[in-house]
């Protein structure tokens, strides 16, 4: 005879962290805020690199967020290297 399962209750000190909404991306900014004139340049540079990644993948749809995040990471890393060299 099969046993019936009893519902498990989390321990009292267990903290439940809700999942973000689907499609939501939370970024942790480690750099200080960029002035608005530089901000638009940064966004344009990230946009261009994301498009390049899209093309490198064969222009297949469905990876827009991944392309953007990879581009952002690459552009910010390149800018940080340039700042350290100066």
Protein backbone atom coordinates (compact mmCIF):
# COMPACT_ATOMS: atom_id res chain seq x y z
CA UNK A 1 0.00 0.00 0.00
CA UNK A 2 1.38 3.45 -0.96
CA UNK A 3 1.85 6.09 1.66
CA UNK A 4 0.27 9.47 1.25
CA UNK A 5 2.66 12.37 1.21
CA UNK A 6 2.35 14.99 3.85
CA UNK A 7 3.06 18.60 2.89
CA UNK A 8 6.42 19.87 4.05
CA UNK A 9 6.66 23.10 5.93
CA UNK A 10 9.83 25.15 5.71
CA UNK A 11 11.83 25.63 8.91
CA UNK A 12 10.93 28.76 10.82
CA UNK A 13 14.23 30.49 10.07
CA UNK A 14 13.99 29.66 6.36
CA UNK A 15 13.73 32.80 4.21
CA UNK A 16 11.84 32.52 0.95
CA UNK A 17 13.14 34.76 -1.82
CA UNK A 18 10.61 35.37 -4.61
CA UNK A 19 11.68 34.78 -8.20
CA UNK A 20 11.74 37.85 -10.46
CA UNK A 21 9.03 38.23 -13.06
CA UNK A 22 9.75 36.31 -16.23
CA UNK A 23 11.86 38.39 -18.54
CA UNK A 24 12.96 40.67 -15.71
CA UNK A 25 16.68 41.10 -15.34
CA UNK A 26 18.27 42.57 -12.26
CA UNK A 27 21.67 44.08 -12.73
CA UNK A 28 24.05 44.95 -9.95
CA UNK A 29 25.90 48.11 -10.80
CA UNK A 30 29.45 48.18 -9.49
CA UNK A 31 30.53 51.37 -11.19
CA UNK A 32 29.58 54.89 -10.10
CA UNK A 33 26.84 56.62 -12.11
CA UNK A 34 27.92 57.92 -15.49
CA UNK A 35 27.11 61.53 -16.49
CA UNK A 36 24.18 61.67 -18.93
CA UNK A 37 26.26 62.64 -21.98
CA UNK A 38 28.53 59.65 -21.41
CA UNK A 39 25.54 57.49 -20.58
CA UNK A 40 24.05 57.86 -24.06
CA UNK A 41 27.45 57.07 -25.58
CA UNK A 42 27.72 53.99 -23.38
CA UNK A 43 24.25 52.81 -24.35
CA UNK A 44 25.03 53.29 -28.03
CA UNK A 45 28.28 51.34 -27.68
CA UNK A 46 26.47 48.49 -25.90
CA UNK A 47 23.72 48.53 -28.53
CA UNK A 48 26.31 48.28 -31.32
CA UNK A 49 28.16 45.42 -29.62
CA UNK A 50 24.88 43.55 -28.95
CA UNK A 51 24.06 43.84 -32.66
CA UNK A 52 27.50 42.48 -33.54
CA UNK A 53 26.93 39.50 -31.24
CA UNK A 54 23.53 38.95 -32.89
CA UNK A 55 25.18 38.90 -36.31
CA UNK A 56 27.98 36.60 -35.12
CA UNK A 57 25.30 34.12 -34.00
CA UNK A 58 23.85 34.05 -37.50
CA UNK A 59 21.13 36.64 -36.84
CA UNK A 60 18.91 34.12 -35.05
CA UNK A 61 16.17 35.64 -32.90
CA UNK A 62 15.39 34.83 -29.29
CA UNK A 63 18.64 35.80 -27.59
CA UNK A 64 18.23 39.56 -27.28
CA UNK A 65 18.67 39.72 -23.50
CA UNK A 66 21.71 37.47 -23.57
CA UNK A 67 23.28 39.54 -26.37
CA UNK A 68 22.63 42.76 -24.45
CA UNK A 69 24.05 41.43 -21.18
CA UNK A 70 27.16 40.02 -22.87
CA UNK A 71 27.66 43.28 -24.77
CA UNK A 72 27.24 45.33 -21.60
CA UNK A 73 29.77 43.16 -19.78
CA UNK A 74 32.29 43.40 -22.62
CA UNK A 75 31.92 47.15 -23.14
CA UNK A 76 32.17 47.94 -19.43
CA UNK A 77 35.23 45.68 -19.06
CA UNK A 78 36.91 47.36 -22.04
CA UNK A 79 36.18 50.83 -20.64
CA UNK A 80 37.50 49.81 -17.23
CA UNK A 81 40.75 48.57 -18.81
CA UNK A 82 41.14 51.86 -20.64
CA UNK A 83 40.62 53.82 -17.41
CA UNK A 84 43.29 51.80 -15.62
CA UNK A 85 45.77 52.42 -18.44
CA UNK A 86 45.24 56.20 -18.37
